Protein backbone atom coordinates (compact mmCIF):
# COMPACT_ATOMS: atom_id res chain seq x y z
CA UNK A 1 0.00 0.00 0.00
CA UNK A 2 2.80 2.50 0.58
CA UNK A 3 3.92 1.84 -2.99
CA UNK A 4 0.42 2.70 -4.21
CA UNK A 5 0.57 5.95 -2.20
CA UNK A 6 3.88 6.84 -3.86
CA UNK A 7 2.42 6.08 -7.30
CA UNK A 8 -0.57 8.32 -6.51
CA UNK A 9 1.80 11.11 -5.47
CA UNK A 10 3.74 10.80 -8.72
CA UNK A 11 0.43 10.89 -10.61
CA UNK A 12 -0.60 14.05 -8.72
CA UNK A 13 2.73 15.74 -9.53
CA UNK A 14 2.32 14.82 -13.19
CA UNK A 15 -1.19 16.25 -13.15
CA UNK A 16 0.13 19.47 -11.64
CA UNK A 17 2.81 19.83 -14.32
CA UNK A 18 0.25 19.12 -17.03
CA UNK A 19 -1.91 21.96 -15.71
CA UNK A 20 0.95 24.41 -15.33
CA UNK A 21 1.91 24.14 -19.01
CA UNK A 22 -1.27 25.82 -20.23
CA UNK A 23 -3.31 27.72 -17.65
CA UNK A 24 -6.92 27.35 -18.84
CA UNK A 25 -10.10 26.91 -16.86
CA UNK A 26 -10.84 23.52 -18.42
CA UNK A 27 -7.44 22.19 -17.33
CA UNK A 28 -8.05 23.55 -13.85
CA UNK A 29 -11.35 21.66 -13.69
CA UNK A 30 -9.75 18.43 -14.90
CA UNK A 31 -6.87 18.88 -12.47
CA UNK A 32 -9.25 19.55 -9.60
CA UNK A 33 -11.24 16.43 -10.48
CA UNK A 34 -8.07 14.36 -10.69
CA UNK A 35 -6.87 15.69 -7.34
CA UNK A 36 -10.23 14.82 -5.74
CA UNK A 37 -9.80 11.29 -7.08
CA UNK A 38 -6.25 11.07 -5.71
CA UNK A 39 -7.37 12.29 -2.27
CA UNK A 40 -10.25 9.81 -2.19
CA UNK A 41 -7.93 6.96 -3.15
CA UNK A 42 -5.43 8.02 -0.46
CA UNK A 43 -8.26 8.16 2.07
CA UNK A 44 -9.29 4.66 1.03
CA UNK A 45 -5.70 3.46 1.45
CA UNK A 46 -5.53 5.02 4.91
CA UNK A 47 -8.74 3.34 6.05
CA UNK A 48 -8.01 -0.03 4.42
CA UNK A 49 -4.42 -0.30 5.72
CA UNK A 50 -4.11 -3.62 7.61
CA UNK A 51 -0.51 -3.42 8.78
CA UNK A 52 0.76 -2.14 12.12
CA UNK A 53 -0.06 1.53 12.53
CA UNK A 54 2.10 2.26 15.54
CA UNK A 55 5.35 0.91 16.87
CA UNK A 56 5.81 -0.69 20.27
CA UNK A 57 6.07 1.47 23.37
CA UNK A 58 9.45 2.99 24.00
CA UNK A 59 9.52 3.86 27.69
CA UNK A 60 12.80 5.74 27.46
CA UNK A 61 10.96 8.49 25.57
CA UNK A 62 8.00 8.82 27.98
CA UNK A 63 6.03 5.95 26.46
CA UNK A 64 5.08 7.62 23.20
CA UNK A 65 4.09 5.36 20.33
CA UNK A 66 5.33 6.51 16.95
CA UNK A 67 3.77 5.74 13.58
CA UNK A 68 5.33 3.01 11.50
CA UNK A 69 7.10 4.25 8.39
CA UNK A 70 4.63 2.52 6.06
CA UNK A 71 1.54 4.00 7.70
CA UNK A 72 3.19 7.42 8.07
CA UNK A 73 3.93 7.45 4.34
CA UNK A 74 0.28 6.79 3.51
CA UNK A 75 -0.95 9.30 6.10
CA UNK A 76 1.41 12.08 4.98
CA UNK A 77 0.46 11.43 1.37
CA UNK A 78 -3.17 11.97 2.32
CA UNK A 79 -2.30 15.13 4.25
CA UNK A 80 -0.21 16.72 1.48
CA UNK A 81 -2.72 15.82 -1.24
CA UNK A 82 -5.53 17.26 0.90
CA UNK A 83 -3.64 20.55 1.23
CA UNK A 84 -3.01 20.64 -2.52
CA UNK A 85 -6.71 19.95 -3.13
CA UNK A 86 -7.59 22.95 -0.95
CA UNK A 87 -5.14 25.12 -2.91
CA UNK A 88 -6.68 23.90 -6.18
CA UNK A 89 -10.11 24.88 -4.83
CA UNK A 90 -8.85 28.35 -3.94
CA UNK A 91 -7.37 28.72 -7.42
CA UNK A 92 -10.54 27.47 -9.11
CA UNK A 93 -12.75 29.94 -7.25
CA UNK A 94 -10.32 32.81 -7.88
CA UNK A 95 -9.70 33.59 -4.21
CA UNK A 96 -6.00 32.80 -4.28
CA UNK A 97 -3.95 31.82 -7.31
CA UNK A 98 -0.86 31.01 -5.28
CA UNK A 99 -0.46 27.43 -6.50
CA UNK A 100 0.06 28.41 -10.15
CA UNK A 101 1.63 31.83 -9.58
CA UNK A 102 5.23 30.85 -9.91
PDB file of N, CA and C in Angstrom:
ATOM      1  N   UNK A   1       0.795  -1.206   0.000  1.00  0.00           N
ATOM      2  CA  UNK A   1       0.000   0.000   0.000  1.00  0.00           C
ATOM      3  C   UNK A   1       0.844   1.280   0.000  1.00  0.00           C
ATOM      4  N   UNK A   2       1.979   1.295   0.685  1.00  0.00           N
ATOM      5  CA  UNK A   2       2.803   2.505   0.580  1.00  0.00           C
ATOM      6  C   UNK A   2       3.284   2.756  -0.848  1.00  0.00           C
ATOM      7  N   UNK A   3       3.514   1.686  -1.591  1.00  0.00           N
ATOM      8  CA  UNK A   3       3.920   1.843  -2.988  1.00  0.00           C
ATOM      9  C   UNK A   3       2.792   2.474  -3.809  1.00  0.00           C
ATOM     10  N   UNK A   4       1.568   2.101  -3.519  1.00  0.00           N
ATOM     11  CA  UNK A   4       0.423   2.700  -4.211  1.00  0.00           C
ATOM     12  C   UNK A   4       0.318   4.180  -3.866  1.00  0.00           C
ATOM     13  N   UNK A   5       0.594   4.539  -2.603  1.00  0.00           N
ATOM     14  CA  UNK A   5       0.568   5.947  -2.202  1.00  0.00           C
ATOM     15  C   UNK A   5       1.641   6.743  -2.939  1.00  0.00           C
ATOM     16  N   UNK A   6       2.812   6.156  -3.119  1.00  0.00           N
ATOM     17  CA  UNK A   6       3.879   6.835  -3.857  1.00  0.00           C
ATOM     18  C   UNK A   6       3.488   7.006  -5.324  1.00  0.00           C
ATOM     19  N   UNK A   7       2.873   5.989  -5.905  1.00  0.00           N
ATOM     20  CA  UNK A   7       2.424   6.079  -7.297  1.00  0.00           C
ATOM     21  C   UNK A   7       1.354   7.162  -7.444  1.00  0.00           C
ATOM     22  N   UNK A   8       0.447   7.266  -6.477  1.00  0.00           N
ATOM     23  CA  UNK A   8      -0.569   8.318  -6.513  1.00  0.00           C
ATOM     24  C   UNK A   8       0.063   9.701  -6.395  1.00  0.00           C
ATOM     25  N   UNK A   9       1.112   9.827  -5.584  1.00  0.00           N
ATOM     26  CA  UNK A   9       1.804  11.110  -5.469  1.00  0.00           C
ATOM     27  C   UNK A   9       2.485  11.492  -6.774  1.00  0.00           C
ATOM     28  N   UNK A  10       3.107  10.526  -7.429  1.00  0.00           N
ATOM     29  CA  UNK A  10       3.743  10.799  -8.725  1.00  0.00           C
ATOM     30  C   UNK A  10       2.684  11.194  -9.751  1.00  0.00           C
ATOM     31  N   UNK A  11       1.533  10.541  -9.715  1.00  0.00           N
ATOM     32  CA  UNK A  11       0.431  10.891 -10.607  1.00  0.00           C
ATOM     33  C   UNK A  11      -0.056  12.318 -10.341  1.00  0.00           C
ATOM     34  N   UNK A  12      -0.152  12.699  -9.070  1.00  0.00           N
ATOM     35  CA  UNK A  12      -0.596  14.049  -8.722  1.00  0.00           C
ATOM     36  C   UNK A  12       0.412  15.101  -9.178  1.00  0.00           C
ATOM     37  N   UNK A  13       1.702  14.800  -9.058  1.00  0.00           N
ATOM     38  CA  UNK A  13       2.726  15.741  -9.531  1.00  0.00           C
ATOM     39  C   UNK A  13       2.663  15.872 -11.054  1.00  0.00           C
ATOM     40  N   UNK A  14       2.465  14.763 -11.742  1.00  0.00           N
ATOM     41  CA  UNK A  14       2.318  14.819 -13.195  1.00  0.00           C
ATOM     42  C   UNK A  14       1.103  15.625 -13.614  1.00  0.00           C
ATOM     43  N   UNK A  15       0.020  15.482 -12.880  1.00  0.00           N
ATOM     44  CA  UNK A  15      -1.188  16.248 -13.153  1.00  0.00           C
ATOM     45  C   UNK A  15      -0.948  17.738 -12.939  1.00  0.00           C
ATOM     46  N   UNK A  16      -0.193  18.073 -11.906  1.00  0.00           N
ATOM     47  CA  UNK A  16       0.135  19.474 -11.645  1.00  0.00           C
ATOM     48  C   UNK A  16       0.966  20.060 -12.788  1.00  0.00           C
ATOM     49  N   UNK A  17       1.973  19.325 -13.235  1.00  0.00           N
ATOM     50  CA  UNK A  17       2.813  19.829 -14.319  1.00  0.00           C
ATOM     51  C   UNK A  17       2.031  19.940 -15.628  1.00  0.00           C
ATOM     52  N   UNK A  18       1.098  19.043 -15.850  1.00  0.00           N
ATOM     53  CA  UNK A  18       0.254  19.122 -17.035  1.00  0.00           C
ATOM     54  C   UNK A  18      -0.592  20.398 -17.009  1.00  0.00           C
ATOM     55  N   UNK A  19      -1.105  20.753 -15.825  1.00  0.00           N
ATOM     56  CA  UNK A  19      -1.912  21.964 -15.706  1.00  0.00           C
ATOM     57  C   UNK A  19      -1.079  23.222 -15.847  1.00  0.00           C
ATOM     58  N   UNK A  20       0.134  23.194 -15.336  1.00  0.00           N
ATOM     59  CA  UNK A  20       0.947  24.411 -15.327  1.00  0.00           C
ATOM     60  C   UNK A  20       1.502  24.762 -16.706  1.00  0.00           C
ATOM     61  N   UNK A  21       1.429  23.844 -17.660  1.00  0.00           N
ATOM     62  CA  UNK A  21       1.913  24.142 -19.008  1.00  0.00           C
ATOM     63  C   UNK A  21       0.991  25.109 -19.745  1.00  0.00           C
ATOM     64  N   UNK A  22      -0.294  24.961 -19.575  1.00  0.00           N
ATOM     65  CA  UNK A  22      -1.274  25.821 -20.231  1.00  0.00           C
ATOM     66  C   UNK A  22      -2.368  26.121 -19.210  1.00  0.00           C
ATOM     67  N   UNK A  23      -2.416  27.347 -18.743  1.00  0.00           N
ATOM     68  CA  UNK A  23      -3.314  27.715 -17.650  1.00  0.00           C
ATOM     69  C   UNK A  23      -4.688  28.097 -18.195  1.00  0.00           C
ATOM     70  N   UNK A  24      -5.547  27.096 -18.403  1.00  0.00           N
ATOM     71  CA  UNK A  24      -6.916  27.347 -18.842  1.00  0.00           C
ATOM     72  C   UNK A  24      -7.881  26.808 -17.791  1.00  0.00           C
ATOM     73  N   UNK A  25      -9.104  27.312 -17.846  1.00  0.00           N
ATOM     74  CA  UNK A  25     -10.101  26.908 -16.858  1.00  0.00           C
ATOM     75  C   UNK A  25     -10.461  25.425 -16.997  1.00  0.00           C
ATOM     76  N   UNK A  26     -10.498  24.931 -18.225  1.00  0.00           N
ATOM     77  CA  UNK A  26     -10.839  23.516 -18.418  1.00  0.00           C
ATOM     78  C   UNK A  26      -9.763  22.606 -17.824  1.00  0.00           C
ATOM     79  N   UNK A  27      -8.500  22.989 -17.952  1.00  0.00           N
ATOM     80  CA  UNK A  27      -7.438  22.188 -17.330  1.00  0.00           C
ATOM     81  C   UNK A  27      -7.518  22.266 -15.811  1.00  0.00           C
ATOM     82  N   UNK A  28      -7.892  23.433 -15.295  1.00  0.00           N
ATOM     83  CA  UNK A  28      -8.046  23.549 -13.847  1.00  0.00           C
ATOM     84  C   UNK A  28      -9.154  22.630 -13.340  1.00  0.00           C
ATOM     85  N   UNK A  29     -10.251  22.549 -14.088  1.00  0.00           N
ATOM     86  CA  UNK A  29     -11.346  21.661 -13.687  1.00  0.00           C
ATOM     87  C   UNK A  29     -10.930  20.194 -13.739  1.00  0.00           C
ATOM     88  N   UNK A  30     -10.233  19.816 -14.800  1.00  0.00           N
ATOM     89  CA  UNK A  30      -9.754  18.432 -14.900  1.00  0.00           C
ATOM     90  C   UNK A  30      -8.727  18.124 -13.814  1.00  0.00           C
ATOM     91  N   UNK A  31      -7.857  19.075 -13.531  1.00  0.00           N
ATOM     92  CA  UNK A  31      -6.869  18.880 -12.475  1.00  0.00           C
ATOM     93  C   UNK A  31      -7.510  18.784 -11.102  1.00  0.00           C
ATOM     94  N   UNK A  32      -8.523  19.616 -10.869  1.00  0.00           N
ATOM     95  CA  UNK A  32      -9.246  19.551  -9.598  1.00  0.00           C
ATOM     96  C   UNK A  32      -9.948  18.204  -9.453  1.00  0.00           C
ATOM     97  N   UNK A  33     -10.573  17.738 -10.522  1.00  0.00           N
ATOM     98  CA  UNK A  33     -11.242  16.430 -10.484  1.00  0.00           C
ATOM     99  C   UNK A  33     -10.244  15.304 -10.243  1.00  0.00           C
ATOM    100  N   UNK A  34      -9.102  15.375 -10.904  1.00  0.00           N
ATOM    101  CA  UNK A  34      -8.067  14.364 -10.690  1.00  0.00           C
ATOM    102  C   UNK A  34      -7.527  14.388  -9.275  1.00  0.00           C
ATOM    103  N   UNK A  35      -7.372  15.590  -8.707  1.00  0.00           N
ATOM    104  CA  UNK A  35      -6.869  15.692  -7.337  1.00  0.00           C
ATOM    105  C   UNK A  35      -7.899  15.166  -6.343  1.00  0.00           C
ATOM    106  N   UNK A  36      -9.183  15.391  -6.601  1.00  0.00           N
ATOM    107  CA  UNK A  36     -10.227  14.818  -5.743  1.00  0.00           C
ATOM    108  C   UNK A  36     -10.139  13.299  -5.771  1.00  0.00           C
ATOM    109  N   UNK A  37      -9.937  12.743  -6.953  1.00  0.00           N
ATOM    110  CA  UNK A  37      -9.802  11.290  -7.085  1.00  0.00           C
ATOM    111  C   UNK A  37      -8.581  10.778  -6.321  1.00  0.00           C
ATOM    112  N   UNK A  38      -7.461  11.478  -6.420  1.00  0.00           N
ATOM    113  CA  UNK A  38      -6.247  11.071  -5.706  1.00  0.00           C
ATOM    114  C   UNK A  38      -6.467  11.125  -4.194  1.00  0.00           C
ATOM    115  N   UNK A  39      -7.121  12.177  -3.712  1.00  0.00           N
ATOM    116  CA  UNK A  39      -7.374  12.294  -2.271  1.00  0.00           C
ATOM    117  C   UNK A  39      -8.313  11.187  -1.795  1.00  0.00           C
ATOM    118  N   UNK A  40      -9.336  10.882  -2.578  1.00  0.00           N
ATOM    119  CA  UNK A  40     -10.253   9.809  -2.185  1.00  0.00           C
ATOM    120  C   UNK A  40      -9.559   8.450  -2.173  1.00  0.00           C
ATOM    121  N   UNK A  41      -8.682   8.216  -3.135  1.00  0.00           N
ATOM    122  CA  UNK A  41      -7.929   6.958  -3.147  1.00  0.00           C
ATOM    123  C   UNK A  41      -6.964   6.885  -1.965  1.00  0.00           C
ATOM    124  N   UNK A  42      -6.320   7.998  -1.631  1.00  0.00           N
ATOM    125  CA  UNK A  42      -5.430   8.016  -0.456  1.00  0.00           C
ATOM    126  C   UNK A  42      -6.221   7.807   0.833  1.00  0.00           C
ATOM    127  N   UNK A  43      -7.416   8.370   0.896  1.00  0.00           N
ATOM    128  CA  UNK A  43      -8.262   8.155   2.070  1.00  0.00           C
ATOM    129  C   UNK A  43      -8.665   6.691   2.172  1.00  0.00           C
ATOM    130  N   UNK A  44      -8.982   6.083   1.040  1.00  0.00           N
ATOM    131  CA  UNK A  44      -9.295   4.655   1.033  1.00  0.00           C
ATOM    132  C   UNK A  44      -8.112   3.807   1.461  1.00  0.00           C
ATOM    133  N   UNK A  45      -6.905   4.178   1.022  1.00  0.00           N
ATOM    134  CA  UNK A  45      -5.704   3.456   1.453  1.00  0.00           C
ATOM    135  C   UNK A  45      -5.480   3.595   2.954  1.00  0.00           C
ATOM    136  N   UNK A  46      -5.723   4.787   3.474  1.00  0.00           N
ATOM    137  CA  UNK A  46      -5.529   5.018   4.906  1.00  0.00           C
ATOM    138  C   UNK A  46      -6.496   4.180   5.731  1.00  0.00           C
ATOM    139  N   UNK A  47      -7.733   4.107   5.303  1.00  0.00           N
ATOM    140  CA  UNK A  47      -8.736   3.337   6.049  1.00  0.00           C
ATOM    141  C   UNK A  47      -8.506   1.842   5.895  1.00  0.00           C
ATOM    142  N   UNK A  48      -8.138   1.400   4.691  1.00  0.00           N
ATOM    143  CA  UNK A  48      -8.005  -0.034   4.419  1.00  0.00           C
ATOM    144  C   UNK A  48      -6.661  -0.614   4.838  1.00  0.00           C
ATOM    145  N   UNK A  49      -5.751   0.191   5.355  1.00  0.00           N
ATOM    146  CA  UNK A  49      -4.421  -0.304   5.722  1.00  0.00           C
ATOM    147  C   UNK A  49      -4.548  -1.325   6.847  1.00  0.00           C
ATOM    148  N   UNK A  50      -3.990  -2.520   6.649  1.00  0.00           N
ATOM    149  CA  UNK A  50      -4.110  -3.617   7.613  1.00  0.00           C
ATOM    150  C   UNK A  50      -2.840  -3.863   8.425  1.00  0.00           C
ATOM    151  N   UNK A  51      -1.772  -3.195   8.083  1.00  0.00           N
ATOM    152  CA  UNK A  51      -0.507  -3.419   8.781  1.00  0.00           C
ATOM    153  C   UNK A  51      -0.475  -2.718  10.134  1.00  0.00           C
ATOM    154  N   UNK A  52       0.639  -2.827  10.829  1.00  0.00           N
ATOM    155  CA  UNK A  52       0.759  -2.140  12.119  1.00  0.00           C
ATOM    156  C   UNK A  52       0.803  -0.629  11.906  1.00  0.00           C
ATOM    157  N   UNK A  53      -0.001   0.077  12.678  1.00  0.00           N
ATOM    158  CA  UNK A  53      -0.063   1.528  12.528  1.00  0.00           C
ATOM    159  C   UNK A  53       0.903   2.242  13.461  1.00  0.00           C
ATOM    160  N   UNK A  54       1.185   1.634  14.585  1.00  0.00           N
ATOM    161  CA  UNK A  54       2.098   2.260  15.544  1.00  0.00           C
ATOM    162  C   UNK A  54       3.128   1.252  15.993  1.00  0.00           C
ATOM    163  N   UNK A  55       4.296   1.772  16.375  1.00  0.00           N
ATOM    164  CA  UNK A  55       5.355   0.908  16.871  1.00  0.00           C
ATOM    165  C   UNK A  55       5.096   0.562  18.329  1.00  0.00           C
ATOM    166  N   UNK A  56       5.929  -0.313  18.863  1.00  0.00           N
ATOM    167  CA  UNK A  56       5.815  -0.692  20.268  1.00  0.00           C
ATOM    168  C   UNK A  56       6.166   0.496  21.160  1.00  0.00           C
ATOM    169  N   UNK A  57       5.738   0.409  22.411  1.00  0.00           N
ATOM    170  CA  UNK A  57       6.066   1.466  23.371  1.00  0.00           C
ATOM    171  C   UNK A  57       7.566   1.552  23.574  1.00  0.00           C
ATOM    172  N   UNK A  58       8.050   2.756  23.680  1.00  0.00           N
ATOM    173  CA  UNK A  58       9.451   2.993  24.005  1.00  0.00           C
ATOM    174  C   UNK A  58       9.457   3.829  25.277  1.00  0.00           C
ATOM    175  N   UNK A  59       9.663   3.187  26.411  1.00  0.00           N
ATOM    176  CA  UNK A  59       9.516   3.863  27.687  1.00  0.00           C
ATOM    177  C   UNK A  59      10.668   4.798  28.009  1.00  0.00           C
ATOM    178  N   UNK A  60      11.735   4.772  27.222  1.00  0.00           N
ATOM    179  CA  UNK A  60      12.803   5.741  27.457  1.00  0.00           C
ATOM    180  C   UNK A  60      12.408   7.128  26.967  1.00  0.00           C
ATOM    181  N   UNK A  61      11.441   7.203  26.066  1.00  0.00           N
ATOM    182  CA  UNK A  61      10.957   8.487  25.570  1.00  0.00           C
ATOM    183  C   UNK A  61       9.526   8.734  26.044  1.00  0.00           C
ATOM    184  N   UNK A  62       9.273   8.522  27.315  1.00  0.00           N
ATOM    185  CA  UNK A  62       7.999   8.818  27.985  1.00  0.00           C
ATOM    186  C   UNK A  62       6.829   7.997  27.453  1.00  0.00           C
ATOM    187  N   UNK A  63       7.085   6.863  26.855  1.00  0.00           N
ATOM    188  CA  UNK A  63       6.026   5.953  26.459  1.00  0.00           C
ATOM    189  C   UNK A  63       5.262   6.330  25.217  1.00  0.00           C
ATOM    190  N   UNK A  64       5.772   7.248  24.424  1.00  0.00           N
ATOM    191  CA  UNK A  64       5.078   7.615  23.196  1.00  0.00           C
ATOM    192  C   UNK A  64       5.151   6.482  22.182  1.00  0.00           C
ATOM    193  N   UNK A  65       4.103   6.343  21.414  1.00  0.00           N
ATOM    194  CA  UNK A  65       4.090   5.359  20.329  1.00  0.00           C
ATOM    195  C   UNK A  65       4.132   6.118  19.010  1.00  0.00           C
ATOM    196  N   UNK A  66       5.142   5.831  18.227  1.00  0.00           N
ATOM    197  CA  UNK A  66       5.327   6.512  16.950  1.00  0.00           C
ATOM    198  C   UNK A  66       4.685   5.704  15.827  1.00  0.00           C
ATOM    199  N   UNK A  67       4.340   6.413  14.747  1.00  0.00           N
ATOM    200  CA  UNK A  67       3.773   5.745  13.580  1.00  0.00           C
ATOM    201  C   UNK A  67       4.834   4.887  12.905  1.00  0.00           C
ATOM    202  N   UNK A  68       4.399   3.789  12.316  1.00  0.00           N
ATOM    203  CA  UNK A  68       5.329   3.012  11.501  1.00  0.00           C
ATOM    204  C   UNK A  68       5.604   3.792  10.216  1.00  0.00           C
ATOM    205  N   UNK A  69       6.711   3.503   9.589  1.00  0.00           N
ATOM    206  CA  UNK A  69       7.100   4.247   8.388  1.00  0.00           C
ATOM    207  C   UNK A  69       6.093   4.022   7.266  1.00  0.00           C
ATOM    208  N   UNK A  70       5.590   2.812   7.134  1.00  0.00           N
ATOM    209  CA  UNK A  70       4.627   2.517   6.062  1.00  0.00           C
ATOM    210  C   UNK A  70       3.328   3.299   6.245  1.00  0.00           C
ATOM    211  N   UNK A  71       2.795   3.291   7.469  1.00  0.00           N
ATOM    212  CA  UNK A  71       1.541   3.999   7.702  1.00  0.00           C
ATOM    213  C   UNK A  71       1.753   5.511   7.650  1.00  0.00           C
ATOM    214  N   UNK A  72       2.900   5.986   8.128  1.00  0.00           N
ATOM    215  CA  UNK A  72       3.192   7.419   8.072  1.00  0.00           C
ATOM    216  C   UNK A  72       3.280   7.899   6.632  1.00  0.00           C
ATOM    217  N   UNK A  73       3.836   7.088   5.749  1.00  0.00           N
ATOM    218  CA  UNK A  73       3.933   7.451   4.340  1.00  0.00           C
ATOM    219  C   UNK A  73       2.542   7.620   3.729  1.00  0.00           C
ATOM    220  N   UNK A  74       1.646   6.702   4.033  1.00  0.00           N
ATOM    221  CA  UNK A  74       0.278   6.788   3.513  1.00  0.00           C
ATOM    222  C   UNK A  74      -0.448   7.990   4.111  1.00  0.00           C
ATOM    223  N   UNK A  75      -0.271   8.209   5.409  1.00  0.00           N
ATOM    224  CA  UNK A  75      -0.950   9.304   6.097  1.00  0.00           C
ATOM    225  C   UNK A  75      -0.443  10.666   5.623  1.00  0.00           C
ATOM    226  N   UNK A  76       0.862  10.808   5.459  1.00  0.00           N
ATOM    227  CA  UNK A  76       1.409  12.080   4.984  1.00  0.00           C
ATOM    228  C   UNK A  76       1.047  12.326   3.525  1.00  0.00           C
ATOM    229  N   UNK A  77       0.922  11.284   2.743  1.00  0.00           N
ATOM    230  CA  UNK A  77       0.465  11.431   1.367  1.00  0.00           C
ATOM    231  C   UNK A  77      -0.959  11.986   1.347  1.00  0.00           C
ATOM    232  N   UNK A  78      -1.804  11.467   2.212  1.00  0.00           N
ATOM    233  CA  UNK A  78      -3.174  11.975   2.319  1.00  0.00           C
ATOM    234  C   UNK A  78      -3.176  13.431   2.764  1.00  0.00           C
ATOM    235  N   UNK A  79      -2.348  13.769   3.728  1.00  0.00           N
ATOM    236  CA  UNK A  79      -2.299  15.131   4.252  1.00  0.00           C
ATOM    237  C   UNK A  79      -1.831  16.123   3.180  1.00  0.00           C
ATOM    238  N   UNK A  80      -0.750  15.813   2.500  1.00  0.00           N
ATOM    239  CA  UNK A  80      -0.213  16.717   1.480  1.00  0.00           C
ATOM    240  C   UNK A  80      -1.186  16.854   0.308  1.00  0.00           C
ATOM    241  N   UNK A  81      -1.763  15.746  -0.132  1.00  0.00           N
ATOM    242  CA  UNK A  81      -2.721  15.821  -1.241  1.00  0.00           C
ATOM    243  C   UNK A  81      -3.983  16.573  -0.840  1.00  0.00           C
ATOM    244  N   UNK A  82      -4.388  16.484   0.417  1.00  0.00           N
ATOM    245  CA  UNK A  82      -5.526  17.265   0.897  1.00  0.00           C
ATOM    246  C   UNK A  82      -5.242  18.758   0.886  1.00  0.00           C
ATOM    247  N   UNK A  83      -4.028  19.136   1.272  1.00  0.00           N
ATOM    248  CA  UNK A  83      -3.639  20.551   1.234  1.00  0.00           C
ATOM    249  C   UNK A  83      -3.600  21.054  -0.206  1.00  0.00           C
ATOM    250  N   UNK A  84      -3.061  20.250  -1.103  1.00  0.00           N
ATOM    251  CA  UNK A  84      -3.010  20.635  -2.521  1.00  0.00           C
ATOM    252  C   UNK A  84      -4.423  20.744  -3.091  1.00  0.00           C
ATOM    253  N   UNK A  85      -5.322  19.861  -2.685  1.00  0.00           N
ATOM    254  CA  UNK A  85      -6.715  19.949  -3.133  1.00  0.00           C
ATOM    255  C   UNK A  85      -7.346  21.260  -2.677  1.00  0.00           C
ATOM    256  N   UNK A  86      -7.070  21.674  -1.452  1.00  0.00           N
ATOM    257  CA  UNK A  86      -7.586  22.947  -0.946  1.00  0.00           C
ATOM    258  C   UNK A  86      -7.023  24.117  -1.757  1.00  0.00           C
ATOM    259  N   UNK A  87      -5.737  24.062  -2.096  1.00  0.00           N
ATOM    260  CA  UNK A  87      -5.141  25.119  -2.912  1.00  0.00           C
ATOM    261  C   UNK A  87      -5.725  25.132  -4.322  1.00  0.00           C
ATOM    262  N   UNK A  88      -6.016  23.957  -4.879  1.00  0.00           N
ATOM    263  CA  UNK A  88      -6.682  23.896  -6.183  1.00  0.00           C
ATOM    264  C   UNK A  88      -8.065  24.539  -6.103  1.00  0.00           C
ATOM    265  N   UNK A  89      -8.779  24.285  -5.008  1.00  0.00           N
ATOM    266  CA  UNK A  89     -10.110  24.878  -4.826  1.00  0.00           C
ATOM    267  C   UNK A  89     -10.012  26.404  -4.764  1.00  0.00           C
ATOM    268  N   UNK A  90      -9.029  26.903  -4.014  1.00  0.00           N
ATOM    269  CA  UNK A  90      -8.853  28.351  -3.937  1.00  0.00           C
ATOM    270  C   UNK A  90      -8.519  28.937  -5.305  1.00  0.00           C
ATOM    271  N   UNK A  91      -7.718  28.248  -6.085  1.00  0.00           N
ATOM    272  CA  UNK A  91      -7.373  28.718  -7.421  1.00  0.00           C
ATOM    273  C   UNK A  91      -8.586  28.676  -8.345  1.00  0.00           C
ATOM    274  N   UNK A  92      -9.377  27.634  -8.233  1.00  0.00           N
ATOM    275  CA  UNK A  92     -10.538  27.473  -9.109  1.00  0.00           C
ATOM    276  C   UNK A  92     -11.595  28.538  -8.844  1.00  0.00           C
ATOM    277  N   UNK A  93     -11.765  28.921  -7.584  1.00  0.00           N
ATOM    278  CA  UNK A  93     -12.748  29.945  -7.247  1.00  0.00           C
ATOM    279  C   UNK A  93     -12.203  31.356  -7.415  1.00  0.00           C
ATOM    280  N   UNK A  94     -10.904  31.500  -7.664  1.00  0.00           N
ATOM    281  CA  UNK A  94     -10.317  32.814  -7.883  1.00  0.00           C
ATOM    282  C   UNK A  94      -9.950  33.557  -6.617  1.00  0.00           C
ATOM    283  N   UNK A  95     -10.023  32.920  -5.476  1.00  0.00           N
ATOM    284  CA  UNK A  95      -9.700  33.587  -4.213  1.00  0.00           C
ATOM    285  C   UNK A  95      -8.204  33.745  -4.010  1.00  0.00           C
ATOM    286  N   UNK A  96      -7.445  32.752  -4.445  1.00  0.00           N
ATOM    287  CA  UNK A  96      -5.999  32.800  -4.277  1.00  0.00           C
ATOM    288  C   UNK A  96      -5.374  31.938  -5.371  1.00  0.00           C
ATOM    289  N   UNK A  97      -4.576  32.551  -6.205  1.00  0.00           N
ATOM    290  CA  UNK A  97      -3.953  31.816  -7.308  1.00  0.00           C
ATOM    291  C   UNK A  97      -2.508  31.461  -6.993  1.00  0.00           C
ATOM    292  N   UNK A  98      -2.227  31.243  -5.734  1.00  0.00           N
ATOM    293  CA  UNK A  98      -0.861  31.014  -5.280  1.00  0.00           C
ATOM    294  C   UNK A  98      -0.252  29.744  -5.869  1.00  0.00           C
ATOM    295  N   UNK A  99      -1.031  28.713  -6.094  1.00  0.00           N
ATOM    296  CA  UNK A  99      -0.465  27.430  -6.500  1.00  0.00           C
ATOM    297  C   UNK A  99       0.105  27.474  -7.920  1.00  0.00           C
ATOM    298  N   UNK A 100      -0.451  28.312  -8.784  1.00  0.00           N
ATOM    299  CA  UNK A 100       0.060  28.406 -10.153  1.00  0.00           C
ATOM    300  C   UNK A 100       0.688  29.768 -10.428  1.00  0.00           C
ATOM    301  N   UNK A 101       1.086  30.483  -9.399  1.00  0.00           N
ATOM    302  CA  UNK A 101       1.630  31.831  -9.579  1.00  0.00           C
ATOM    303  C   UNK A 101       3.079  31.825 -10.041  1.00  0.00           C
ATOM    304  N   UNK A 102       3.819  30.764  -9.730  1.00  0.00           N
ATOM    305  CA  UNK A 102       5.229  30.846  -9.913  1.00  0.00           C
ATOM    306  C   UNK A 102       5.871  30.275 -11.056  1.00  0.00           C
TER     307      UNK A 102
END
